[in-house]
PDB file of N, CA and C in Angstrom:
ATOM      1  N   MET A   1     114.688 153.605  -4.412  1.00  0.00           N
ATOM      2  CA  MET A   1     113.773 154.242  -3.413  1.00  0.00           C
ATOM      3  C   MET A   1     112.284 154.456  -4.095  1.00  0.00           C
ATOM      4  N   GLU A   2     111.411 154.399  -3.349  1.00  0.00           N
ATOM      5  CA  GLU A   2     110.072 154.218  -3.896  1.00  0.00           C
ATOM      6  C   GLU A   2     109.674 155.912  -4.014  1.00  0.00           C
ATOM      7  N   THR A   3     108.929 156.056  -5.220  1.00  0.00           N
ATOM      8  CA  THR A   3     108.234 157.380  -5.139  1.00  0.00           C
ATOM      9  C   THR A   3     106.827 157.196  -5.354  1.00  0.00           C
ATOM     10  N   SER A   4     106.064 158.257  -5.032  1.00  0.00           N
ATOM     11  CA  SER A   4     104.710 158.193  -5.308  1.00  0.00           C
ATOM     12  C   SER A   4     104.242 159.229  -6.171  1.00  0.00           C
ATOM     13  N   THR A   5     103.377 158.921  -7.087  1.00  0.00           N
ATOM     14  CA  THR A   5     102.968 159.733  -8.152  1.00  0.00           C
ATOM     15  C   THR A   5     101.522 159.659  -8.296  1.00  0.00           C
ATOM     16  N   PHE A   6     101.038 161.323  -7.924  1.00  0.00           N
ATOM     17  CA  PHE A   6      99.606 161.142  -7.862  1.00  0.00           C
ATOM     18  C   PHE A   6      99.193 161.778  -9.467  1.00  0.00           C
ATOM     19  N   HIS A   7      98.044 161.223  -9.834  1.00  0.00           N
ATOM     20  CA  HIS A   7      97.359 161.596 -11.087  1.00  0.00           C
ATOM     21  C   HIS A   7      96.261 162.296 -10.870  1.00  0.00           C
ATOM     22  N   LEU A   8      96.429 163.537 -11.205  1.00  0.00           N
ATOM     23  CA  LEU A   8      95.158 164.590 -10.984  1.00  0.00           C
ATOM     24  C   LEU A   8      94.879 164.929 -12.468  1.00  0.00           C
ATOM     25  N   PRO A   9      93.764 165.808 -12.578  1.00  0.00           N
ATOM     26  CA  PRO A   9      92.956 166.177 -13.901  1.00  0.00           C
ATOM     27  C   PRO A   9      93.888 167.036 -14.549  1.00  0.00           C
ATOM     28  N   VAL A  10      94.988 167.630 -13.746  1.00  0.00           N
ATOM     29  CA  VAL A  10      95.893 168.759 -14.478  1.00  0.00           C
ATOM     30  C   VAL A  10      97.231 167.773 -15.130  1.00  0.00           C
ATOM     31  N   GLY A  11      97.164 166.760 -14.494  1.00  0.00           N
ATOM     32  CA  GLY A  11      98.492 166.003 -14.787  1.00  0.00           C
ATOM     33  C   GLY A  11      99.060 165.167 -13.823  1.00  0.00           C
ATOM     34  N   GLU A  12     100.333 164.658 -13.875  1.00  0.00           N
ATOM     35  CA  GLU A  12     100.969 163.976 -12.810  1.00  0.00           C
ATOM     36  C   GLU A  12     101.826 164.622 -11.623  1.00  0.00           C
ATOM     37  N   LEU A  13     101.721 164.489 -10.730  1.00  0.00           N
ATOM     38  CA  LEU A  13     102.340 165.240  -9.593  1.00  0.00           C
ATOM     39  C   LEU A  13     103.280 164.163  -8.776  1.00  0.00           C
ATOM     40  N   THR A  14     104.551 164.588  -8.606  1.00  0.00           N
ATOM     41  CA  THR A  14     105.318 163.789  -7.614  1.00  0.00           C
ATOM     42  C   THR A  14     105.848 164.645  -6.557  1.00  0.00           C
ATOM     43  N   ILE A  15     105.703 163.921  -5.096  1.00  0.00           N
ATOM     44  CA  ILE A  15     106.147 164.630  -4.077  1.00  0.00           C
ATOM     45  C   ILE A  15     107.694 164.305  -3.942  1.00  0.00           C
ATOM     46  N   THR A  16     108.441 165.358  -3.773  1.00  0.00           N
ATOM     47  CA  THR A  16     109.966 165.429  -3.853  1.00  0.00           C
ATOM     48  C   THR A  16     110.364 165.692  -2.269  1.00  0.00           C
ATOM     49  N   LEU A  17     111.496 165.423  -1.938  1.00  0.00           N
ATOM     50  CA  LEU A  17     111.860 165.736  -0.567  1.00  0.00           C
ATOM     51  C   LEU A  17     112.138 167.171  -0.371  1.00  0.00           C
ATOM     52  N   ASP A  18     112.099 168.211  -1.257  1.00  0.00           N
ATOM     53  CA  ASP A  18     112.129 169.473  -1.125  1.00  0.00           C
ATOM     54  C   ASP A  18     110.586 169.763  -0.599  1.00  0.00           C
ATOM     55  N   ASP A  19     109.655 169.027  -1.288  1.00  0.00           N
ATOM     56  CA  ASP A  19     108.196 169.225  -0.838  1.00  0.00           C
ATOM     57  C   ASP A  19     108.075 168.637   0.466  1.00  0.00           C
ATOM     58  N   VAL A  20     108.730 167.833   0.855  1.00  0.00           N
ATOM     59  CA  VAL A  20     108.477 167.165   2.605  1.00  0.00           C
ATOM     60  C   VAL A  20     109.006 168.260   3.373  1.00  0.00           C
ATOM     61  N   SER A  21     110.289 168.658   2.802  1.00  0.00           N
ATOM     62  CA  SER A  21     110.953 169.703   3.660  1.00  0.00           C
ATOM     63  C   SER A  21     110.048 170.706   3.784  1.00  0.00           C
ATOM     64  N   LEU A  22     109.516 171.482   3.068  1.00  0.00           N
ATOM     65  CA  LEU A  22     108.835 172.575   3.086  1.00  0.00           C
ATOM     66  C   LEU A  22     107.521 172.375   4.003  1.00  0.00           C
ATOM     67  N   LEU A  23     106.811 171.099   3.627  1.00  0.00           N
ATOM     68  CA  LEU A  23     105.587 170.952   4.309  1.00  0.00           C
ATOM     69  C   LEU A  23     105.716 170.594   5.812  1.00  0.00           C
ATOM     70  N   LEU A  24     106.768 169.851   6.176  1.00  0.00           N
ATOM     71  CA  LEU A  24     106.846 169.195   7.424  1.00  0.00           C
ATOM     72  C   LEU A  24     108.076 170.111   8.125  1.00  0.00           C
ATOM     73  N   HIS A  25     108.565 171.000   7.436  1.00  0.00           N
ATOM     74  CA  HIS A  25     109.572 172.023   8.192  1.00  0.00           C
ATOM     75  C   HIS A  25     110.866 171.028   8.680  1.00  0.00           C
ATOM     76  N   LEU A  26     111.284 169.972   8.020  1.00  0.00           N
ATOM     77  CA  LEU A  26     112.452 169.118   8.181  1.00  0.00           C
ATOM     78  C   LEU A  26     113.601 169.753   7.414  1.00  0.00           C
ATOM     79  N   PRO A  27     114.584 169.886   8.131  1.00  0.00           N
ATOM     80  CA  PRO A  27     115.812 170.280   7.405  1.00  0.00           C
ATOM     81  C   PRO A  27     116.468 168.985   6.542  1.00  0.00           C
ATOM     82  N   ILE A  28     116.790 169.095   5.287  1.00  0.00           N
ATOM     83  CA  ILE A  28     117.412 167.895   4.889  1.00  0.00           C
ATOM     84  C   ILE A  28     118.960 168.374   4.552  1.00  0.00           C
ATOM     85  N   ASN A  29     119.877 167.847   5.201  1.00  0.00           N
ATOM     86  CA  ASN A  29     121.172 168.069   5.372  1.00  0.00           C
ATOM     87  C   ASN A  29     121.912 166.814   4.892  1.00  0.00           C
ATOM     88  N   GLY A  30     122.805 166.967   4.115  1.00  0.00           N
ATOM     89  CA  GLY A  30     123.794 165.621   4.043  1.00  0.00           C
ATOM     90  C   GLY A  30     122.926 164.344   3.084  1.00  0.00           C
ATOM     91  N   ALA A  31     123.455 163.284   3.100  1.00  0.00           N
ATOM     92  CA  ALA A  31     123.029 162.274   2.125  1.00  0.00           C
ATOM     93  C   ALA A  31     121.562 161.660   2.929  1.00  0.00           C
ATOM     94  N   PHE A  32     120.961 161.167   2.189  1.00  0.00           N
ATOM     95  CA  PHE A  32     119.514 160.583   2.368  1.00  0.00           C
ATOM     96  C   PHE A  32     120.114 159.200   3.089  1.00  0.00           C
ATOM     97  N   HIS A  33     119.238 158.827   4.056  1.00  0.00           N
ATOM     98  CA  HIS A  33     119.421 157.416   4.851  1.00  0.00           C
ATOM     99  C   HIS A  33     119.518 156.352   3.670  1.00  0.00           C
ATOM    100  N   ASN A  34     120.824 155.371   3.889  1.00  0.00           N
ATOM    101  CA  ASN A  34     120.444 154.102   3.044  1.00  0.00           C
ATOM    102  C   ASN A  34     120.170 152.972   3.898  1.00  0.00           C
ATOM    103  N   PHE A  35     118.993 152.532   3.435  1.00  0.00           N
ATOM    104  CA  PHE A  35     118.439 151.414   4.233  1.00  0.00           C
ATOM    105  C   PHE A  35     118.844 150.148   3.470  1.00  0.00           C
ATOM    106  N   HIS A  36     119.192 149.209   4.351  1.00  0.00           N
ATOM    107  CA  HIS A  36     119.488 147.798   3.606  1.00  0.00           C
ATOM    108  C   HIS A  36     118.298 146.638   4.171  1.00  0.00           C
ATOM    109  N   ALA A  37     118.290 145.742   3.352  1.00  0.00           N
ATOM    110  CA  ALA A  37     117.247 144.776   3.705  1.00  0.00           C
ATOM    111  C   ALA A  37     117.694 143.871   4.982  1.00  0.00           C
ATOM    112  N   LEU A  38     116.537 143.653   5.655  1.00  0.00           N
ATOM    113  CA  LEU A  38     116.639 142.933   7.063  1.00  0.00           C
ATOM    114  C   LEU A  38     116.225 141.349   6.790  1.00  0.00           C
ATOM    115  N   PHE A  39     116.902 140.563   7.387  1.00  0.00           N
ATOM    116  CA  PHE A  39     116.490 139.382   7.528  1.00  0.00           C
ATOM    117  C   PHE A  39     115.646 139.476   8.962  1.00  0.00           C
ATOM    118  N   VAL A  40     114.937 137.982   8.754  1.00  0.00           N
ATOM    119  CA  VAL A  40     114.035 138.013   9.968  1.00  0.00           C
ATOM    120  C   VAL A  40     114.520 138.129  11.234  1.00  0.00           C
ATOM    121  N   ASP A  41     115.573 137.395  11.518  1.00  0.00           N
ATOM    122  CA  ASP A  41     116.240 137.692  12.917  1.00  0.00           C
ATOM    123  C   ASP A  41     116.668 138.981  13.173  1.00  0.00           C
ATOM    124  N   GLU A  42     117.181 139.713  12.375  1.00  0.00           N
ATOM    125  CA  GLU A  42     117.490 141.318  12.485  1.00  0.00           C
ATOM    126  C   GLU A  42     116.207 142.144  12.795  1.00  0.00           C
ATOM    127  N   THR A  43     115.161 141.715  12.133  1.00  0.00           N
ATOM    128  CA  THR A  43     113.982 142.390  12.283  1.00  0.00           C
ATOM    129  C   THR A  43     113.340 142.258  13.891  1.00  0.00           C
ATOM    130  N   VAL A  44     113.516 140.905  14.133  1.00  0.00           N
ATOM    131  CA  VAL A  44     113.003 140.501  15.685  1.00  0.00           C
ATOM    132  C   VAL A  44     113.953 141.029  16.504  1.00  0.00           C
ATOM    133  N   PHE A  45     115.154 141.247  16.346  1.00  0.00           N
ATOM    134  CA  PHE A  45     116.016 141.697  17.084  1.00  0.00           C
ATOM    135  C   PHE A  45     115.776 143.371  17.594  1.00  0.00           C
ATOM    136  N   LEU A  46     115.460 143.952  16.232  1.00  0.00           N
ATOM    137  CA  LEU A  46     115.262 145.376  16.318  1.00  0.00           C
ATOM    138  C   LEU A  46     114.080 145.526  17.025  1.00  0.00           C
ATOM    139  N   LEU A  47     112.876 144.938  17.039  1.00  0.00           N
ATOM    140  CA  LEU A  47     111.586 144.931  17.859  1.00  0.00           C
ATOM    141  C   LEU A  47     111.895 144.752  19.321  1.00  0.00           C
ATOM    142  N   ILE A  48     112.582 143.610  19.491  1.00  0.00           N
ATOM    143  CA  ILE A  48     112.849 143.514  20.887  1.00  0.00           C
ATOM    144  C   ILE A  48     113.566 144.498  21.875  1.00  0.00           C
ATOM    145  N   GLU A  49     114.822 144.849  21.061  1.00  0.00           N
ATOM    146  CA  GLU A  49     115.616 145.722  21.512  1.00  0.00           C
ATOM    147  C   GLU A  49     114.979 147.398  21.810  1.00  0.00           C
ATOM    148  N   LEU A  50     114.352 147.765  20.753  1.00  0.00           N
ATOM    149  CA  LEU A  50     114.117 149.261  20.685  1.00  0.00           C
ATOM    150  C   LEU A  50     112.512 149.391  20.798  1.00  0.00           C
ATOM    151  N   LEU A  51     111.577 148.281  20.950  1.00  0.00           N
ATOM    152  CA  LEU A  51     110.120 148.490  21.140  1.00  0.00           C
ATOM    153  C   LEU A  51     109.934 147.776  22.434  1.00  0.00           C
ATOM    154  N   GLU A  52     110.953 146.890  22.890  1.00  0.00           N
ATOM    155  CA  GLU A  52     110.854 146.256  24.334  1.00  0.00           C
ATOM    156  C   GLU A  52     109.630 145.311  24.230  1.00  0.00           C
ATOM    157  N   VAL A  53     109.235 144.593  23.192  1.00  0.00           N
ATOM    158  CA  VAL A  53     108.445 143.651  22.917  1.00  0.00           C
ATOM    159  C   VAL A  53     109.050 142.159  23.205  1.00  0.00           C
ATOM    160  N   SER A  54     108.245 141.185  23.298  1.00  0.00           N
ATOM    161  CA  SER A  54     108.813 139.924  23.666  1.00  0.00           C
ATOM    162  C   SER A  54     109.338 139.252  22.400  1.00  0.00           C
ATOM    163  N   GLY A  55     110.114 138.210  22.439  1.00  0.00           N
ATOM    164  CA  GLY A  55     110.834 137.691  21.342  1.00  0.00           C
ATOM    165  C   GLY A  55     109.684 136.880  20.389  1.00  0.00           C
ATOM    166  N   GLU A  56     108.414 136.445  21.279  1.00  0.00           N
ATOM    167  CA  GLU A  56     107.613 135.505  20.601  1.00  0.00           C
ATOM    168  C   GLU A  56     106.543 136.382  19.899  1.00  0.00           C
ATOM    169  N   GLU A  57     106.363 137.666  20.546  1.00  0.00           N
ATOM    170  CA  GLU A  57     105.363 138.474  19.977  1.00  0.00           C
ATOM    171  C   GLU A  57     106.044 139.087  18.743  1.00  0.00           C
ATOM    172  N   ALA A  58     107.227 139.384  18.690  1.00  0.00           N
ATOM    173  CA  ALA A  58     107.903 140.042  17.574  1.00  0.00           C
ATOM    174  C   ALA A  58     108.026 139.088  16.266  1.00  0.00           C
ATOM    175  N   ARG A  59     108.384 137.788  16.798  1.00  0.00           N
ATOM    176  CA  ARG A  59     108.324 136.768  15.780  1.00  0.00           C
ATOM    177  C   ARG A  59     107.025 136.611  15.112  1.00  0.00           C
ATOM    178  N   ALA A  60     105.932 136.656  15.968  1.00  0.00           N
ATOM    179  CA  ALA A  60     104.554 136.390  15.437  1.00  0.00           C
ATOM    180  C   ALA A  60     104.054 137.608  14.601  1.00  0.00           C
ATOM    181  N   LYS A  61     104.366 138.587  14.913  1.00  0.00           N
ATOM    182  CA  LYS A  61     104.287 139.896  14.115  1.00  0.00           C
ATOM    183  C   LYS A  61     104.866 139.789  12.728  1.00  0.00           C
ATOM    184  N   THR A  62     106.238 139.536  12.763  1.00  0.00           N
ATOM    185  CA  THR A  62     106.841 139.653  11.251  1.00  0.00           C
ATOM    186  C   THR A  62     106.457 138.180  10.684  1.00  0.00           C
ATOM    187  N   THR A  63     106.242 137.274  11.295  1.00  0.00           N
ATOM    188  CA  THR A  63     105.670 135.977  10.681  1.00  0.00           C
ATOM    189  C   THR A  63     104.291 136.304   9.749  1.00  0.00           C
ATOM    190  N   ARG A  64     103.549 137.212  10.306  1.00  0.00           N
ATOM    191  CA  ARG A  64     102.226 137.539  10.008  1.00  0.00           C
ATOM    192  C   ARG A  64     102.426 138.199   8.572  1.00  0.00           C
ATOM    193  N   SER A  65     103.367 139.167   8.441  1.00  0.00           N
ATOM    194  CA  SER A  65     103.688 139.798   7.333  1.00  0.00           C
ATOM    195  C   SER A  65     104.623 139.193   6.331  1.00  0.00           C
ATOM    196  N   ARG A  66     105.075 138.178   6.887  1.00  0.00           N
ATOM    197  CA  ARG A  66     106.070 137.351   6.125  1.00  0.00           C
ATOM    198  C   ARG A  66     107.381 137.967   5.570  1.00  0.00           C
ATOM    199  N   GLU A  67     107.485 139.183   6.035  1.00  0.00           N
ATOM    200  CA  GLU A  67     108.594 140.158   5.526  1.00  0.00           C
ATOM    201  C   GLU A  67     109.062 141.061   6.867  1.00  0.00           C
ATOM    202  N   ALA A  68     109.908 142.052   6.645  1.00  0.00           N
ATOM    203  CA  ALA A  68     110.564 142.922   7.698  1.00  0.00           C
ATOM    204  C   ALA A  68     109.425 144.094   7.867  1.00  0.00           C
ATOM    205  N   TYR A  69     108.154 143.690   7.781  1.00  0.00           N
ATOM    206  CA  TYR A  69     107.070 144.783   7.990  1.00  0.00           C
ATOM    207  C   TYR A  69     106.049 144.234   9.216  1.00  0.00           C
ATOM    208  N   VAL A  70     105.752 145.198   9.685  1.00  0.00           N
ATOM    209  CA  VAL A  70     104.762 145.217  10.978  1.00  0.00           C
ATOM    210  C   VAL A  70     103.392 146.029  10.758  1.00  0.00           C
ATOM    211  N   ARG A  71     102.260 145.720  11.370  1.00  0.00           N
ATOM    212  CA  ARG A  71     100.949 146.456  11.184  1.00  0.00           C
ATOM    213  C   ARG A  71     101.235 147.899  11.855  1.00  0.00           C
ATOM    214  N   LEU A  72     100.662 148.928  11.324  1.00  0.00           N
ATOM    215  CA  LEU A  72     100.686 150.266  11.734  1.00  0.00           C
ATOM    216  C   LEU A  72      99.923 150.005  13.118  1.00  0.00           C
ATOM    217  N   GLY A  73      98.866 149.182  13.240  1.00  0.00           N
ATOM    218  CA  GLY A  73      97.935 149.151  14.370  1.00  0.00           C
ATOM    219  C   GLY A  73      98.482 148.801  15.596  1.00  0.00           C
ATOM    220  N   TRP A  74      99.567 147.598  15.210  1.00  0.00           N
ATOM    221  CA  TRP A  74     100.391 147.034  16.244  1.00  0.00           C
ATOM    222  C   TRP A  74     101.149 148.143  16.934  1.00  0.00           C
ATOM    223  N   VAL A  75     101.858 148.897  15.917  1.00  0.00           N
ATOM    224  CA  VAL A  75     102.898 149.802  16.537  1.00  0.00           C
ATOM    225  C   VAL A  75     102.073 150.892  17.258  1.00  0.00           C
ATOM    226  N   ARG A  76     100.779 151.195  16.892  1.00  0.00           N
ATOM    227  CA  ARG A  76     100.203 152.310  17.626  1.00  0.00           C
ATOM    228  C   ARG A  76      99.869 151.589  19.267  1.00  0.00           C
ATOM    229  N   ASP A  77      99.461 150.507  19.063  1.00  0.00           N
ATOM    230  CA  ASP A  77      99.182 149.681  20.480  1.00  0.00           C
ATOM    231  C   ASP A  77     100.636 149.762  21.397  1.00  0.00           C
ATOM    232  N   ILE A  78     101.768 149.464  20.746  1.00  0.00           N
ATOM    233  CA  ILE A  78     102.897 149.559  21.290  1.00  0.00           C
ATOM    234  C   ILE A  78     103.025 151.048  22.126  1.00  0.00           C
ATOM    235  N   TYR A  79     102.784 152.054  21.261  1.00  0.00           N
ATOM    236  CA  TYR A  79     102.960 153.388  21.685  1.00  0.00           C
ATOM    237  C   TYR A  79     101.895 153.629  22.734  1.00  0.00           C
ATOM    238  N   GLU A  80     101.012 153.212  22.917  1.00  0.00           N
ATOM    239  CA  GLU A  80      99.948 153.312  23.794  1.00  0.00           C
ATOM    240  C   GLU A  80     100.287 152.854  25.065  1.00  0.00           C
ATOM    241  N   MET A  81     100.620 151.563  24.967  1.00  0.00           N
ATOM    242  CA  MET A  81     100.961 150.660  26.286  1.00  0.00           C
ATOM    243  C   MET A  81     102.533 151.481  26.703  1.00  0.00           C
ATOM    244  N   ARG A  82     103.303 151.652  26.130  1.00  0.00           N
ATOM    245  CA  ARG A  82     104.620 152.264  26.535  1.00  0.00           C
ATOM    246  C   ARG A  82     104.450 153.734  27.211  1.00  0.00           C
ATOM    247  N   CYS A  83     103.311 154.381  26.576  1.00  0.00           N
ATOM    248  CA  CYS A  83     102.868 155.681  27.378  1.00  0.00           C
ATOM    249  C   CYS A  83     102.098 155.439  28.815  1.00  0.00           C
ATOM    250  N   GLN A  84     101.357 154.224  28.742  1.00  0.00           N
ATOM    251  CA  GLN A  84     100.676 153.895  30.192  1.00  0.00           C
ATOM    252  C   GLN A  84     101.727 153.620  31.183  1.00  0.00           C
ATOM    253  N   THR A  85     102.832 153.135  30.780  1.00  0.00           N
ATOM    254  CA  THR A  85     103.891 152.454  31.610  1.00  0.00           C
ATOM    255  C   THR A  85     105.089 153.576  31.698  1.00  0.00           C
ATOM    256  N   ARG A  86     104.936 154.739  31.328  1.00  0.00           N
ATOM    257  CA  ARG A  86     105.949 155.744  31.428  1.00  0.00           C
ATOM    258  C   ARG A  86     107.177 155.327  30.766  1.00  0.00           C
ATOM    259  N   ARG A  87     107.366 154.850  29.729  1.00  0.00           N
ATOM    260  CA  ARG A  87     108.567 154.530  29.086  1.00  0.00           C
ATOM    261  C   ARG A  87     108.858 155.341  27.652  1.00  0.00           C
ATOM    262  N   TRP A  88     109.001 156.678  27.926  1.00  0.00           N
ATOM    263  CA  TRP A  88     108.965 157.654  27.230  1.00  0.00           C
ATOM    264  C   TRP A  88     109.666 157.415  25.804  1.00  0.00           C
ATOM    265  N   ILE A  89     110.950 156.893  26.059  1.00  0.00           N
ATOM    266  CA  ILE A  89     111.872 156.875  24.837  1.00  0.00           C
ATOM    267  C   ILE A  89     111.266 155.749  23.746  1.00  0.00           C
ATOM    268  N   VAL A  90     110.936 154.625  24.550  1.00  0.00           N
ATOM    269  CA  VAL A  90     110.401 153.730  23.777  1.00  0.00           C
ATOM    270  C   VAL A  90     109.184 154.225  22.764  1.00  0.00           C
ATOM    271  N   ALA A  91     108.270 154.834  23.678  1.00  0.00           N
ATOM    272  CA  ALA A  91     106.819 155.284  23.187  1.00  0.00           C
ATOM    273  C   ALA A  91     107.304 156.335  22.138  1.00  0.00           C
ATOM    274  N   ALA A  92     108.103 157.104  22.220  1.00  0.00           N
ATOM    275  CA  ALA A  92     108.743 158.187  21.192  1.00  0.00           C
ATOM    276  C   ALA A  92     109.275 157.233  19.841  1.00  0.00           C
ATOM    277  N   ARG A  93     109.918 156.105  20.003  1.00  0.00           N
ATOM    278  CA  ARG A  93     110.241 155.378  18.911  1.00  0.00           C
ATOM    279  C   ARG A  93     108.950 154.847  18.087  1.00  0.00           C
ATOM    280  N   ALA A  94     108.033 153.960  18.855  1.00  0.00           N
ATOM    281  CA  ALA A  94     106.936 153.602  18.269  1.00  0.00           C
ATOM    282  C   ALA A  94     106.134 154.618  17.426  1.00  0.00           C
ATOM    283  N   TYR A  95     106.099 155.807  18.077  1.00  0.00           N
ATOM    284  CA  TYR A  95     105.273 157.158  17.364  1.00  0.00           C
ATOM    285  C   TYR A  95     105.964 157.509  16.200  1.00  0.00           C
ATOM    286  N   LEU A  96     107.407 157.690  16.293  1.00  0.00           N
ATOM    287  CA  LEU A  96     108.091 158.082  15.044  1.00  0.00           C
ATOM    288  C   LEU A  96     108.173 156.712  13.847  1.00  0.00           C
ATOM    289  N   LEU A  97     108.061 155.671  14.412  1.00  0.00           N
ATOM    290  CA  LEU A  97     107.969 154.571  13.402  1.00  0.00           C
ATOM    291  C   LEU A  97     106.450 154.565  12.839  1.00  0.00           C
ATOM    292  N   HIS A  98     105.444 154.673  13.754  1.00  0.00           N
ATOM    293  CA  HIS A  98     104.104 155.069  13.163  1.00  0.00           C
ATOM    294  C   HIS A  98     104.008 156.264  11.999  1.00  0.00           C
ATOM    295  N   LEU A  99     104.414 157.259  12.563  1.00  0.00           N
ATOM    296  CA  LEU A  99     104.583 158.588  11.862  1.00  0.00           C
ATOM    297  C   LEU A  99     105.059 158.327  10.504  1.00  0.00           C
ATOM    298  N   VAL A 100     106.435 157.587  10.275  1.00  0.00           N
ATOM    299  CA  VAL A 100     106.966 157.663   8.910  1.00  0.00           C
ATOM    300  C   VAL A 100     106.156 156.537   8.022  1.00  0.00           C
ATOM    301  N   GLY A 101     105.608 155.576   8.718  1.00  0.00           N
ATOM    302  CA  GLY A 101     104.841 154.564   8.007  1.00  0.00           C
ATOM    303  C   GLY A 101     103.449 155.130   7.295  1.00  0.00           C
ATOM    304  N   CYS A 102     103.085 156.164   8.120  1.00  0.00           N
ATOM    305  CA  CYS A 102     101.766 156.549   7.583  1.00  0.00           C
ATOM    306  C   CYS A 102     102.226 157.919   6.579  1.00  0.00           C
ATOM    307  N   THR A 103     103.351 158.561   6.703  1.00  0.00           N
ATOM    308  CA  THR A 103     103.754 159.678   5.679  1.00  0.00           C
ATOM    309  C   THR A 103     104.760 159.381   4.842  1.00  0.00           C
ATOM    310  N   LEU A 104     105.858 159.367   5.174  1.00  0.00           N
ATOM    311  CA  LEU A 104     106.923 159.617   4.230  1.00  0.00           C
ATOM    312  C   LEU A 104     107.098 158.274   3.714  1.00  0.00           C
ATOM    313  N   PHE A 105     107.109 157.358   4.374  1.00  0.00           N
ATOM    314  CA  PHE A 105     107.490 155.857   3.832  1.00  0.00           C
ATOM    315  C   PHE A 105     106.193 155.013   3.601  1.00  0.00           C
ATOM    316  N   SER A 106     105.000 155.863   3.418  1.00  0.00           N
ATOM    317  CA  SER A 106     103.808 154.703   3.234  1.00  0.00           C
ATOM    318  C   SER A 106     103.857 154.085   1.928  1.00  0.00           C
ATOM    319  N   ASN A 107     103.240 152.777   2.434  1.00  0.00           N
ATOM    320  CA  ASN A 107     103.020 151.649   1.092  1.00  0.00           C
ATOM    321  C   ASN A 107     101.912 151.838   0.573  1.00  0.00           C
ATOM    322  N   LYS A 108     101.492 150.820  -0.415  1.00  0.00           N
ATOM    323  CA  LYS A 108     100.119 151.232  -1.276  1.00  0.00           C
ATOM    324  C   LYS A 108      99.035 150.722  -0.272  1.00  0.00           C
ATOM    325  N   SER A 109      99.421 149.396   0.869  1.00  0.00           N
ATOM    326  CA  SER A 109      98.342 149.185   1.685  1.00  0.00           C
ATOM    327  C   SER A 109      98.197 150.145   2.853  1.00  0.00           C
ATOM    328  N   ALA A 110      98.904 150.919   2.966  1.00  0.00           N
ATOM    329  CA  ALA A 110      98.562 151.688   4.108  1.00  0.00           C
ATOM    330  C   ALA A 110      98.483 151.311   5.495  1.00  0.00           C
ATOM    331  N   THR A 111      98.855 149.867   5.629  1.00  0.00           N
ATOM    332  CA  THR A 111      98.534 149.275   6.718  1.00  0.00           C
ATOM    333  C   THR A 111      99.655 148.756   7.476  1.00  0.00           C
ATOM    334  N   TYR A 112     101.100 148.729   6.663  1.00  0.00           N
ATOM    335  CA  TYR A 112     102.439 148.325   7.281  1.00  0.00           C
ATOM    336  C   TYR A 112     103.370 149.184   7.054  1.00  0.00           C
ATOM    337  N   VAL A 113     104.285 148.923   8.203  1.00  0.00           N
ATOM    338  CA  VAL A 113     105.577 149.866   7.979  1.00  0.00           C
ATOM    339  C   VAL A 113     106.755 149.020   8.047  1.00  0.00           C
ATOM    340  N   HIS A 114     107.760 149.276   7.382  1.00  0.00           N
ATOM    341  CA  HIS A 114     108.939 148.398   7.234  1.00  0.00           C
ATOM    342  C   HIS A 114     109.836 148.810   8.534  1.00  0.00           C
ATOM    343  N   VAL A 115     110.128 147.660   9.063  1.00  0.00           N
ATOM    344  CA  VAL A 115     110.876 147.844  10.537  1.00  0.00           C
ATOM    345  C   VAL A 115     112.418 148.461  10.534  1.00  0.00           C
ATOM    346  N   VAL A 116     112.881 148.342   9.069  1.00  0.00           N
ATOM    347  CA  VAL A 116     114.310 148.909   8.841  1.00  0.00           C
ATOM    348  C   VAL A 116     114.102 150.533   9.234  1.00  0.00           C
ATOM    349  N   HIS A 117     113.165 151.169   9.340  1.00  0.00           N
ATOM    350  CA  HIS A 117     113.149 152.453   9.767  1.00  0.00           C
ATOM    351  C   HIS A 117     113.480 152.832  11.160  1.00  0.00           C
ATOM    352  N   LEU A 118     113.076 151.560  11.914  1.00  0.00           N
ATOM    353  CA  LEU A 118     113.277 151.659  13.271  1.00  0.00           C
ATOM    354  C   LEU A 118     114.600 152.107  13.918  1.00  0.00           C
ATOM    355  N   GLU A 119     115.805 151.392  13.122  1.00  0.00           N
ATOM    356  CA  GLU A 119     116.983 151.594  13.446  1.00  0.00           C
ATOM    357  C   GLU A 119     117.357 153.077  13.511  1.00  0.00           C
ATOM    358  N   THR A 120     116.613 153.747  12.640  1.00  0.00           N
ATOM    359  CA  THR A 120     116.978 155.398  12.619  1.00  0.00           C
ATOM    360  C   THR A 120     116.768 155.960  13.862  1.00  0.00           C
ATOM    361  N   PHE A 121     115.928 155.448  14.862  1.00  0.00           N
ATOM    362  CA  PHE A 121     115.309 156.019  16.064  1.00  0.00           C
ATOM    363  C   PHE A 121     115.910 155.306  17.273  1.00  0.00           C
ATOM    364  N   ARG A 122     117.217 154.592  16.855  1.00  0.00           N
ATOM    365  CA  ARG A 122     117.821 154.045  18.011  1.00  0.00           C
ATOM    366  C   ARG A 122     118.268 154.957  19.278  1.00  0.00           C
ATOM    367  N   ASP A 123     118.994 156.027  18.878  1.00  0.00           N
ATOM    368  CA  ASP A 123     119.551 156.764  19.755  1.00  0.00           C
ATOM    369  C   ASP A 123     118.654 158.286  19.768  1.00  0.00           C
ATOM    370  N   LEU A 124     117.583 158.373  20.649  1.00  0.00           N
ATOM    371  CA  LEU A 124     116.881 159.411  20.622  1.00  0.00           C
ATOM    372  C   LEU A 124     117.373 160.235  21.898  1.00  0.00           C
ATOM    373  N   GLY A 125     118.119 159.709  22.994  1.00  0.00           N
ATOM    374  CA  GLY A 125     118.507 160.372  24.236  1.00  0.00           C
ATOM    375  C   GLY A 125     119.431 161.589  23.856  1.00  0.00           C
TER     376      GLY A 125
END
């Protein structure tokens, strides 16, 4: 699991799960989610099934990043399009994927999110 350490004038500071729980009011119960590496075909399948994008678009977006990552801007566009078509569950998945990509599981580039997190939002009903 990646951690983020912030270097401040008073020393180093690391954000813990307890900090996240207190700041975002999210309960932490049980074991933390265990992610596994995704192959390109699995990534494309998740995007098609859970965000309702075409196979060509999903493959193009994952090919651009060369891994199981997609751009946060693209996820935001998916969210807006699904809201316009009133596909609320799909819009919620896109919103949550964007949220975790910007906050809890952000990477150094701050422009990509790993698609493996999308699996967590499969059953929102």
